Amino acid sequence: MRIVIQRVSRARVDVVDEQGQPDPDFKPQSIGTGLLLLVAVQDGDGDSQVEYVVRKLTRMRIFADEEGRMNRSVLDCGGSILSISQFTLYADLRRGNRPSFMAAGEPQHAQSIWQDLNRALAATGVPVAEGRFGAHMRVDLVNDGPVTILLDTDRLMKPAASSTAI
């Protein structure tokens, strides 16, 4: 799983149709202070990745405390999460100029894992708003900081390489 995490003072998502008009079947979702998540899933992702990501996202201390230091989590500050599915985070540009998305998960699996992630985040007590999986969306946000972090479970879940002094 690969997630771009942005600390925001506010964020909003709307679904639009082919002509760029708002989809009347989708109620725009918005949050105040919190995290905007752009989430991509691979076929190998499952429960262990979801559990790991939920722990990181809810405990990550990137919000300011009374002294202005990044010492509070989204839970500590009473923030919210806006979760957006975004398979393009697995774009591969090694060949040619058109990105390949072969590393992204199959849509049915990716949607299931993304929904599991959102449910697990909500179960921690953090309010979670969502975009619509697979839809064309417009996302408006106000970065706070800016603080933008890339969380990649392929890299973070592996044990750290030991360093050997020479």
Protein backbone atom coordinates (compact mmCIF):
# COMPACT_ATOMS: atom_id res chain seq x y z
CA MET A 1 0.00 0.00 0.00
CA ARG A 2 1.24 3.45 -0.82
CA ILE A 3 -0.29 6.54 0.80
CA VAL A 4 0.44 10.23 0.38
CA ILE A 5 -0.44 11.87 3.70
CA GLN A 6 -1.09 15.60 3.78
CA ARG A 7 -1.73 17.57 6.95
CA VAL A 8 -4.57 19.95 6.10
CA SER A 9 -6.52 22.73 7.71
CA ARG A 10 -9.42 21.72 5.46
CA ALA A 11 -10.11 19.45 2.50
CA ARG A 12 -13.08 18.61 0.27
CA VAL A 13 -13.85 16.08 -2.44
CA ASP A 14 -16.57 16.02 -5.07
CA VAL A 15 -17.27 13.50 -7.83
CA VAL A 16 -17.71 14.88 -11.34
CA ASP A 17 -19.13 13.39 -14.54
CA GLU A 18 -17.51 13.25 -17.99
CA GLN A 19 -18.41 16.90 -18.63
CA GLY A 20 -16.83 18.02 -15.35
CA GLN A 21 -20.19 18.63 -13.71
CA PRO A 22 -20.86 17.56 -10.10
CA ASP A 23 -22.40 14.10 -9.82
CA PRO A 24 -25.85 14.63 -8.24
CA ASP A 25 -25.66 11.15 -6.67
CA PHE A 26 -22.58 12.05 -4.60
CA LYS A 27 -22.75 14.31 -1.58
CA PRO A 28 -19.48 16.29 -1.40
CA GLN A 29 -17.36 15.26 1.57
CA SER A 30 -15.24 17.66 3.60
CA ILE A 31 -13.13 17.85 6.74
CA GLY A 32 -11.52 20.56 8.82
CA THR A 33 -8.18 20.00 10.53
CA GLY A 34 -6.84 16.55 9.81
CA LEU A 35 -5.26 14.30 7.21
CA LEU A 36 -5.93 14.01 3.51
CA LEU A 37 -4.97 10.51 2.35
CA LEU A 38 -4.33 9.55 -1.27
CA VAL A 39 -4.37 5.74 -1.12
CA ALA A 40 -3.10 3.16 -3.63
CA VAL A 41 -3.40 -0.59 -3.09
CA GLN A 42 -1.46 -3.52 -4.56
CA ASP A 43 -2.73 -7.07 -5.00
CA GLY A 44 -0.48 -8.33 -2.19
CA ASP A 45 -1.98 -5.93 0.36
CA GLY A 46 -4.21 -7.38 3.05
CA ASP A 47 -5.10 -7.24 6.74
CA SER A 48 -1.51 -6.86 7.98
CA GLN A 49 -0.95 -3.79 5.78
CA VAL A 50 -4.27 -2.28 6.88
CA GLU A 51 -3.46 -2.81 10.57
CA TYR A 52 0.03 -1.36 10.15
CA VAL A 53 -1.20 1.71 8.28
CA VAL A 54 -3.99 2.39 10.79
CA ARG A 55 -1.46 2.32 13.66
CA LYS A 56 0.87 4.69 11.81
CA LEU A 57 -1.82 7.12 10.66
CA THR A 58 -3.56 7.43 14.03
CA ARG A 59 -0.35 7.67 16.10
CA MET A 60 1.85 9.73 13.78
CA ARG A 61 2.68 12.96 15.63
CA ILE A 62 2.58 15.68 13.00
CA PHE A 63 0.23 18.20 14.62
CA ALA A 64 1.54 21.03 16.79
CA ASP A 65 1.29 20.97 20.57
CA GLU A 66 1.00 24.07 22.77
CA GLU A 67 4.71 24.79 22.22
CA GLY A 68 4.42 24.56 18.44
CA ARG A 69 6.25 21.23 18.20
CA MET A 70 4.94 18.35 16.09
CA ASN A 71 3.92 16.25 19.05
CA ARG A 72 0.22 15.42 18.57
CA SER A 73 -1.57 12.82 16.49
CA VAL A 74 -4.81 13.19 14.55
CA LEU A 75 -6.50 11.49 17.52
CA ASP A 76 -4.87 13.89 20.01
CA CYS A 77 -6.02 17.00 18.16
CA GLY A 78 -9.55 15.76 17.40
CA GLY A 79 -8.89 15.85 13.66
CA SER A 80 -10.57 14.01 10.80
CA ILE A 81 -9.44 12.03 7.77
CA LEU A 82 -10.46 12.42 4.12
CA SER A 83 -9.56 9.22 2.26
CA ILE A 84 -9.25 9.22 -1.54
CA SER A 85 -8.42 6.14 -3.62
CA GLN A 86 -5.66 6.88 -6.14
CA PHE A 87 -4.18 3.98 -8.08
CA THR A 88 -1.90 6.36 -10.00
CA LEU A 89 0.54 6.36 -7.06
CA TYR A 90 1.83 3.10 -8.56
CA ALA A 91 2.65 4.69 -11.93
CA ASP A 92 5.75 3.30 -13.62
CA LEU A 93 7.52 5.60 -16.08
CA ARG A 94 10.59 3.47 -16.79
CA ARG A 95 9.51 2.73 -20.37
CA GLY A 96 8.20 5.39 -22.70
CA ASN A 97 6.18 8.41 -21.74
CA ARG A 98 2.83 6.84 -20.92
CA PRO A 99 2.65 5.60 -17.33
CA SER A 100 2.00 1.93 -16.68
CA PHE A 101 -0.22 1.08 -13.74
CA MET A 102 0.45 -2.67 -13.71
CA ALA A 103 1.73 -2.50 -10.11
CA ALA A 104 -1.63 -1.18 -8.88
CA GLY A 105 -4.05 -3.70 -7.44
CA GLU A 106 -6.95 -5.16 -9.36
CA PRO A 107 -9.92 -2.81 -8.88
CA GLN A 108 -12.13 -5.22 -6.91
CA HIS A 109 -9.31 -6.08 -4.48
CA ALA A 110 -8.14 -2.47 -4.19
CA GLN A 111 -11.65 -1.26 -3.41
CA SER A 112 -12.10 -3.91 -0.74
CA ILE A 113 -8.79 -3.06 0.97
CA TRP A 114 -9.46 0.69 0.73
CA GLN A 115 -12.87 0.21 2.35
CA ASP A 116 -11.34 -2.02 5.05
CA LEU A 117 -8.79 0.72 5.75
CA ASN A 118 -11.49 3.38 6.05
CA ARG A 119 -13.58 1.21 8.39
CA ALA A 120 -10.55 0.42 10.55
CA LEU A 121 -9.62 4.10 10.78
CA ALA A 122 -13.18 5.02 11.76
CA ALA A 123 -13.14 2.29 14.42
CA THR A 124 -10.33 4.18 16.20
CA GLY A 125 -12.67 7.12 16.75
CA VAL A 126 -11.33 9.37 13.98
CA PRO A 127 -14.11 10.72 11.74
CA VAL A 128 -13.46 9.46 8.20
CA ALA A 129 -14.88 11.01 5.02
CA GLU A 130 -14.37 9.28 1.66
CA GLY A 131 -14.28 9.97 -2.02
CA ARG A 132 -15.79 7.41 -4.40
CA PHE A 133 -13.63 4.51 -5.51
CA GLY A 134 -12.76 4.63 -9.21
CA ALA A 135 -14.55 7.92 -9.84
CA HIS A 136 -13.25 11.12 -11.39
CA MET A 137 -12.96 13.46 -8.42
CA ARG A 138 -12.04 17.03 -7.67
CA VAL A 139 -10.11 17.45 -4.45
CA ASP A 140 -9.66 20.86 -2.85
CA LEU A 141 -7.35 21.24 0.11
CA VAL A 142 -5.42 23.73 2.17
CA ASN A 143 -2.07 22.24 3.16
CA ASP A 144 -1.00 23.05 6.69
CA GLY A 145 2.76 23.53 6.88
CA PRO A 146 2.92 22.06 4.32
CA VAL A 147 3.46 18.62 5.81
CA THR A 148 3.39 15.85 3.19
CA ILE A 149 4.58 12.31 3.94
CA LEU A 150 4.81 9.21 1.77
CA LEU A 151 3.97 5.97 3.57
CA ASP A 152 4.88 2.84 1.60
CA THR A 153 4.23 -0.48 3.34
CA ASP A 154 6.68 -2.26 1.03
CA ARG A 155 9.45 -0.17 2.56
CA LEU A 156 8.24 0.42 6.11
CA MET A 157 7.17 -3.11 7.02
CA LYS A 158 10.58 -4.59 6.19
CA PRO A 159 13.16 -4.76 8.97
CA ALA A 160 15.72 -1.98 8.85
CA ALA A 161 19.00 -2.99 7.27
CA SER A 162 21.73 -3.29 9.86
CA SER A 163 24.73 -1.08 9.36
CA THR A 164 28.15 -2.57 9.74
CA ALA A 165 31.04 -0.36 10.79
CA ILE A 166 34.14 -0.69 8.65
